């Protein structure tokens, strides 16, 4: 496999989120499994709620749903799936990464210039290990990105999404946004059960 520790995307991750109407409030979680049903179970989604659809349809269906969190889950790269929250907030516990799984989470609100959870959190094998960019294991992935954190909110978000792309071996691209995925509902209080 090619070394992606210093790779950069062909297109701005920020611009892509803008173009696909996700930048106002963007929350995503990457999990190292290609099994979509497993990813949905780990995020506590209702398995019977799954509907295969494109992003436009997912937005329409998510707007019509009356409760819980609506998340669009699908393949991201070899060995990785991604969950993009369309309504509500996808919360998870470190237990979601049990059994040796890795989960990377990111959330920002461009409309408020707010970044949640130190930019990007990393869970592994049932534990929250902290901000992804601060972990020694990924130090080589962040060396060239750290200076960008101080250039403004847009550059900071761009840096975090580049980091996620380097770790998962795929950046966001237009094919990523047009691929069908499964829209799931995560019931309210899913982690309190």
Protein backbone atom coordinates (compact mmCIF):
# COMPACT_ATOMS: atom_id res chain seq x y z
CA UNK A 1 0.00 0.00 0.00
CA UNK A 2 1.25 3.49 -0.84
CA UNK A 3 2.39 5.78 1.95
CA UNK A 4 -0.37 8.39 2.28
CA UNK A 5 1.08 10.12 5.34
CA UNK A 6 1.79 13.28 3.32
CA UNK A 7 -0.80 12.93 0.54
CA UNK A 8 -3.18 15.77 -0.31
CA UNK A 9 -6.62 15.57 -1.93
CA UNK A 10 -7.23 16.54 -5.54
CA UNK A 11 -10.03 18.86 -4.46
CA UNK A 12 -10.69 20.98 -1.38
CA UNK A 13 -12.56 19.00 1.27
CA UNK A 14 -14.20 22.22 2.48
CA UNK A 15 -15.48 23.09 -1.00
CA UNK A 16 -16.90 19.59 -1.45
CA UNK A 17 -18.83 19.87 1.81
CA UNK A 18 -20.15 23.25 0.65
CA UNK A 19 -21.14 21.88 -2.78
CA UNK A 20 -23.04 18.97 -1.22
CA UNK A 21 -24.74 21.10 1.48
CA UNK A 22 -23.04 19.39 4.41
CA UNK A 23 -20.77 22.13 5.69
CA UNK A 24 -23.31 24.01 7.82
CA UNK A 25 -23.27 21.15 10.30
CA UNK A 26 -21.03 18.19 9.45
CA UNK A 27 -20.62 15.14 11.65
CA UNK A 28 -18.93 11.99 10.43
CA UNK A 29 -17.49 8.81 11.93
CA UNK A 30 -15.15 6.48 10.08
CA UNK A 31 -14.92 2.86 11.28
CA UNK A 32 -12.46 0.24 10.11
CA UNK A 33 -14.91 -2.32 8.78
CA UNK A 34 -16.25 -2.81 5.29
CA UNK A 35 -19.38 -4.45 6.71
CA UNK A 36 -22.09 -1.76 6.64
CA UNK A 37 -24.43 -3.72 8.92
CA UNK A 38 -21.66 -4.05 11.51
CA UNK A 39 -20.98 -0.31 11.33
CA UNK A 40 -24.70 0.40 11.78
CA UNK A 41 -24.86 -1.93 14.80
CA UNK A 42 -21.81 -0.31 16.40
CA UNK A 43 -23.45 3.11 16.05
CA UNK A 44 -26.66 1.63 17.53
CA UNK A 45 -28.73 2.17 14.41
CA UNK A 46 -32.10 0.46 14.05
CA UNK A 47 -31.30 -2.32 11.53
CA UNK A 48 -34.86 -2.38 10.20
CA UNK A 49 -34.72 1.32 9.30
CA UNK A 50 -32.08 0.98 6.57
CA UNK A 51 -32.90 2.45 3.15
CA UNK A 52 -30.35 2.36 0.30
CA UNK A 53 -30.32 5.80 -1.31
CA UNK A 54 -28.27 8.64 -2.73
CA UNK A 55 -27.45 11.77 -0.73
CA UNK A 56 -30.34 13.88 -2.10
CA UNK A 57 -32.86 11.19 -1.20
CA UNK A 58 -31.21 10.75 2.20
CA UNK A 59 -31.66 14.47 2.90
CA UNK A 60 -35.35 14.26 1.92
CA UNK A 61 -35.99 11.17 4.03
CA UNK A 62 -34.03 12.53 7.01
CA UNK A 63 -36.14 15.71 6.97
CA UNK A 64 -39.31 13.61 7.10
CA UNK A 65 -38.17 11.50 10.06
CA UNK A 66 -39.64 12.56 13.36
CA UNK A 67 -37.13 11.29 15.88
CA UNK A 68 -33.68 10.12 16.66
CA UNK A 69 -30.62 10.65 14.53
CA UNK A 70 -30.52 9.97 10.81
CA UNK A 71 -27.15 8.78 9.56
CA UNK A 72 -26.07 7.77 6.07
CA UNK A 73 -23.67 4.79 6.28
CA UNK A 74 -21.66 3.21 3.50
CA UNK A 75 -18.33 2.17 2.09
CA UNK A 76 -15.50 4.67 2.32
CA UNK A 77 -12.28 2.90 1.31
CA UNK A 78 -10.98 -0.67 1.43
CA UNK A 79 -11.58 -1.79 4.99
CA UNK A 80 -13.35 1.42 6.09
CA UNK A 81 -16.97 2.55 6.29
CA UNK A 82 -18.26 6.02 7.06
CA UNK A 83 -21.36 7.36 8.80
CA UNK A 84 -22.49 10.90 7.97
CA UNK A 85 -25.11 12.37 10.29
CA UNK A 86 -27.88 14.25 8.46
CA UNK A 87 -30.17 15.10 11.40
CA UNK A 88 -29.65 14.88 15.14
CA UNK A 89 -26.35 14.02 16.73
CA UNK A 90 -24.57 10.69 16.46
CA UNK A 91 -23.27 9.91 19.91
CA UNK A 92 -21.21 6.89 20.68
CA UNK A 93 -19.38 5.34 23.55
CA UNK A 94 -15.84 3.96 23.42
CA UNK A 95 -17.44 0.48 23.47
CA UNK A 96 -18.41 1.02 19.82
CA UNK A 97 -14.77 0.34 18.96
CA UNK A 98 -14.52 -2.88 20.98
CA UNK A 99 -13.03 -5.97 19.39
CA UNK A 100 -10.03 -4.12 17.98
CA UNK A 101 -12.00 -1.68 15.80
CA UNK A 102 -10.80 1.87 15.12
CA UNK A 103 -13.24 4.78 14.93
CA UNK A 104 -12.41 8.35 13.97
CA UNK A 105 -15.00 11.06 14.67
CA UNK A 106 -15.24 14.63 13.47
CA UNK A 107 -17.87 17.31 13.92
CA UNK A 108 -17.97 20.97 12.97
CA UNK A 109 -20.49 23.71 12.34
CA UNK A 110 -19.30 26.12 9.69
CA UNK A 111 -22.25 28.42 10.27
CA UNK A 112 -21.01 29.00 13.84
CA UNK A 113 -17.29 28.34 13.22
CA UNK A 114 -17.41 25.66 15.92
CA UNK A 115 -15.28 22.57 16.06
CA UNK A 116 -16.25 19.77 18.45
CA UNK A 117 -14.10 17.33 20.38
CA UNK A 118 -10.64 18.75 19.73
CA UNK A 119 -11.19 18.40 15.98
CA UNK A 120 -11.03 14.67 15.56
CA UNK A 121 -11.22 11.90 18.16
CA UNK A 122 -9.73 8.44 17.87
CA UNK A 123 -11.23 5.36 19.49
CA UNK A 124 -9.56 1.95 19.44
CA UNK A 125 -10.51 -1.37 21.00
CA UNK A 126 -13.07 0.03 23.42
CA UNK A 127 -11.07 3.08 24.50
CA UNK A 128 -11.07 6.76 23.63
CA UNK A 129 -7.38 7.45 22.97
CA UNK A 130 -7.81 11.20 22.41
CA UNK A 131 -7.44 13.65 19.53
CA UNK A 132 -6.20 11.82 16.43
CA UNK A 133 -3.68 14.50 15.50
CA UNK A 134 -2.02 14.33 18.93
CA UNK A 135 -1.30 10.60 18.89
CA UNK A 136 2.31 9.56 18.32
CA UNK A 137 1.16 6.78 15.98
CA UNK A 138 -0.03 9.41 13.49
CA UNK A 139 2.58 12.12 14.09
CA UNK A 140 3.97 11.77 10.56
CA UNK A 141 0.47 12.32 9.14
CA UNK A 142 0.11 15.72 10.83
CA UNK A 143 3.53 17.38 10.57
CA UNK A 144 2.64 19.48 7.53
CA UNK A 145 -0.93 20.15 8.73
CA UNK A 146 -0.21 21.68 12.13
CA UNK A 147 0.67 25.14 10.75
CA UNK A 148 -2.68 25.24 8.93
CA UNK A 149 -4.60 25.00 12.21
CA UNK A 150 -3.83 28.66 12.88
CA UNK A 151 -4.86 30.02 9.46
CA UNK A 152 -8.57 30.14 10.26
CA UNK A 153 -11.54 27.88 10.72
CA UNK A 154 -11.79 26.73 7.09
CA UNK A 155 -8.12 25.71 6.98
CA UNK A 156 -8.44 23.92 10.32
CA UNK A 157 -11.40 21.84 9.11
CA UNK A 158 -9.60 21.15 5.83
CA UNK A 159 -6.60 19.87 7.80
CA UNK A 160 -8.69 17.51 9.89
CA UNK A 161 -10.43 16.07 6.84
CA UNK A 162 -7.07 15.62 5.11
CA UNK A 163 -5.87 13.76 8.22
CA UNK A 164 -8.91 11.45 8.10
CA UNK A 165 -8.26 10.81 4.41
CA UNK A 166 -4.63 9.95 5.05
CA UNK A 167 -5.47 7.50 7.83
CA UNK A 168 -8.36 5.83 5.95
CA UNK A 169 -6.62 5.95 2.53
CA UNK A 170 -9.36 8.01 0.88
CA UNK A 171 -10.14 11.69 0.76
CA UNK A 172 -13.62 13.03 0.11
CA UNK A 173 -14.26 13.35 -3.61
CA UNK A 174 -17.23 13.75 -5.94
CA UNK A 175 -17.61 9.98 -6.40
CA UNK A 176 -17.76 9.67 -2.61
CA UNK A 177 -20.75 12.02 -2.46
CA UNK A 178 -22.63 10.40 -5.35
CA UNK A 179 -22.26 6.80 -4.16
CA UNK A 180 -25.42 5.25 -2.69
CA UNK A 181 -25.30 4.44 1.00
CA UNK A 182 -27.81 3.20 3.57
CA UNK A 183 -29.79 5.74 5.60
CA UNK A 184 -30.40 4.52 9.15
CA UNK A 185 -32.26 5.90 12.13
CA UNK A 186 -30.46 5.78 15.48
CA UNK A 187 -33.18 5.92 18.13
CA UNK A 188 -33.02 8.54 20.87
CA UNK A 189 -31.22 7.22 23.91
CA UNK A 190 -29.65 4.34 21.97
CA UNK A 191 -26.64 4.31 24.29
CA UNK A 192 -28.69 4.40 27.47
CA UNK A 193 -29.99 0.88 26.87
